[in-house]
């Protein structure tokens, strides 16, 4: 097996899959509406809050919105 495939398998085995219910989708919609975001970005903010994690992004607008919501956000660089 190639090293690339082996490395990809190790990374993918550590990815946690999350699902959301209707109530959570409503919360994401509210974040989207209140902050003028697209659903993907609102979902990232919601997930960071739900997991009590740090949002890692290079998107300056999203980073700013994370701070408005009291979330810790960082850039990669």
C-alpha atoms as a PDB file:
ATOM      1  CA  UNK A   1       0.000   0.000   0.000  1.00  0.00           C
ATOM      2  CA  UNK A   2       1.336   3.432  -0.843  1.00  0.00           C
ATOM      3  CA  UNK A   3       2.367   5.856   1.869  1.00  0.00           C
ATOM      4  CA  UNK A   4      -0.209   8.382   0.636  1.00  0.00           C
ATOM      5  CA  UNK A   5      -3.082   5.904   1.027  1.00  0.00           C
ATOM      6  CA  UNK A   6      -1.807   4.845   4.440  1.00  0.00           C
ATOM      7  CA  UNK A   7      -1.563   8.466   5.564  1.00  0.00           C
ATOM      8  CA  UNK A   8      -5.056   9.242   4.235  1.00  0.00           C
ATOM      9  CA  UNK A   9      -6.480   6.258   6.099  1.00  0.00           C
ATOM     10  CA  UNK A  10      -4.941   7.453   9.364  1.00  0.00           C
ATOM     11  CA  UNK A  11      -6.399  10.926   8.915  1.00  0.00           C
ATOM     12  CA  UNK A  12      -9.837   9.721   7.868  1.00  0.00           C
ATOM     13  CA  UNK A  13     -10.047   7.268  10.770  1.00  0.00           C
ATOM     14  CA  UNK A  14      -9.792  10.212  13.190  1.00  0.00           C
ATOM     15  CA  UNK A  15     -12.581  12.290  11.653  1.00  0.00           C
ATOM     16  CA  UNK A  16     -15.655  12.437  13.824  1.00  0.00           C
ATOM     17  CA  UNK A  17     -18.992  12.463  12.009  1.00  0.00           C
ATOM     18  CA  UNK A  18     -21.726  14.608  13.499  1.00  0.00           C
ATOM     19  CA  UNK A  19     -25.397  14.720  12.676  1.00  0.00           C
ATOM     20  CA  UNK A  20     -27.928  17.397  13.525  1.00  0.00           C
ATOM     21  CA  UNK A  21     -31.613  17.306  14.278  1.00  0.00           C
ATOM     22  CA  UNK A  22     -34.358  19.757  13.323  1.00  0.00           C
ATOM     23  CA  UNK A  23     -33.884  21.853  16.483  1.00  0.00           C
ATOM     24  CA  UNK A  24     -30.187  22.245  15.731  1.00  0.00           C
ATOM     25  CA  UNK A  25     -30.921  23.159  12.120  1.00  0.00           C
ATOM     26  CA  UNK A  26     -33.168  25.944  13.412  1.00  0.00           C
ATOM     27  CA  UNK A  27     -30.307  27.200  15.579  1.00  0.00           C
ATOM     28  CA  UNK A  28     -27.984  27.173  12.569  1.00  0.00           C
ATOM     29  CA  UNK A  29     -30.616  29.074  10.585  1.00  0.00           C
ATOM     30  CA  UNK A  30     -30.814  31.706  13.337  1.00  0.00           C
ATOM     31  CA  UNK A  31     -27.035  32.157  13.319  1.00  0.00           C
ATOM     32  CA  UNK A  32     -27.188  32.429   9.532  1.00  0.00           C
ATOM     33  CA  UNK A  33     -29.988  35.006   9.612  1.00  0.00           C
ATOM     34  CA  UNK A  34     -28.666  37.114  12.489  1.00  0.00           C
ATOM     35  CA  UNK A  35     -25.133  37.329  11.135  1.00  0.00           C
ATOM     36  CA  UNK A  36     -25.749  37.371   7.385  1.00  0.00           C
ATOM     37  CA  UNK A  37     -23.848  34.139   6.765  1.00  0.00           C
ATOM     38  CA  UNK A  38     -24.212  31.268   4.335  1.00  0.00           C
ATOM     39  CA  UNK A  39     -25.308  27.959   5.803  1.00  0.00           C
ATOM     40  CA  UNK A  40     -21.806  26.432   5.676  1.00  0.00           C
ATOM     41  CA  UNK A  41     -20.275  29.203   7.780  1.00  0.00           C
ATOM     42  CA  UNK A  42     -23.187  29.241  10.221  1.00  0.00           C
ATOM     43  CA  UNK A  43     -22.752  25.466  10.570  1.00  0.00           C
ATOM     44  CA  UNK A  44     -19.062  25.878  11.373  1.00  0.00           C
ATOM     45  CA  UNK A  45     -19.884  28.405  14.098  1.00  0.00           C
ATOM     46  CA  UNK A  46     -22.639  26.228  15.503  1.00  0.00           C
ATOM     47  CA  UNK A  47     -20.378  23.168  15.583  1.00  0.00           C
ATOM     48  CA  UNK A  48     -17.525  25.035  17.281  1.00  0.00           C
ATOM     49  CA  UNK A  49     -19.964  26.240  19.946  1.00  0.00           C
ATOM     50  CA  UNK A  50     -21.583  22.818  20.366  1.00  0.00           C
ATOM     51  CA  UNK A  51     -18.230  21.055  20.774  1.00  0.00           C
ATOM     52  CA  UNK A  52     -16.799  23.888  22.879  1.00  0.00           C
ATOM     53  CA  UNK A  53     -13.944  23.943  20.420  1.00  0.00           C
ATOM     54  CA  UNK A  54     -11.812  26.447  18.598  1.00  0.00           C
ATOM     55  CA  UNK A  55     -12.824  27.596  15.124  1.00  0.00           C
ATOM     56  CA  UNK A  56      -9.844  27.437  12.769  1.00  0.00           C
ATOM     57  CA  UNK A  57     -10.353  29.490   9.618  1.00  0.00           C
ATOM     58  CA  UNK A  58      -8.622  31.800   7.184  1.00  0.00           C
ATOM     59  CA  UNK A  59     -11.945  33.575   6.551  1.00  0.00           C
ATOM     60  CA  UNK A  60     -11.616  36.954   8.291  1.00  0.00           C
ATOM     61  CA  UNK A  61     -15.378  37.580   8.272  1.00  0.00           C
ATOM     62  CA  UNK A  62     -16.057  34.218   9.880  1.00  0.00           C
ATOM     63  CA  UNK A  63     -13.327  34.847  12.433  1.00  0.00           C
ATOM     64  CA  UNK A  64     -14.962  38.171  13.307  1.00  0.00           C
ATOM     65  CA  UNK A  65     -18.382  36.521  13.639  1.00  0.00           C
ATOM     66  CA  UNK A  66     -16.925  33.857  15.924  1.00  0.00           C
ATOM     67  CA  UNK A  67     -15.715  36.566  18.290  1.00  0.00           C
ATOM     68  CA  UNK A  68     -19.187  38.186  18.246  1.00  0.00           C
ATOM     69  CA  UNK A  69     -20.598  34.853  19.412  1.00  0.00           C
ATOM     70  CA  UNK A  70     -17.992  34.540  22.157  1.00  0.00           C
ATOM     71  CA  UNK A  71     -16.168  31.695  20.408  1.00  0.00           C
ATOM     72  CA  UNK A  72     -12.447  31.310  20.204  1.00  0.00           C
ATOM     73  CA  UNK A  73     -11.233  31.571  16.636  1.00  0.00           C
ATOM     74  CA  UNK A  74      -7.765  31.314  15.130  1.00  0.00           C
ATOM     75  CA  UNK A  75      -6.071  31.394  11.776  1.00  0.00           C
ATOM     76  CA  UNK A  76      -3.684  28.720  10.618  1.00  0.00           C
ATOM     77  CA  UNK A  77      -0.808  31.118  10.066  1.00  0.00           C
END
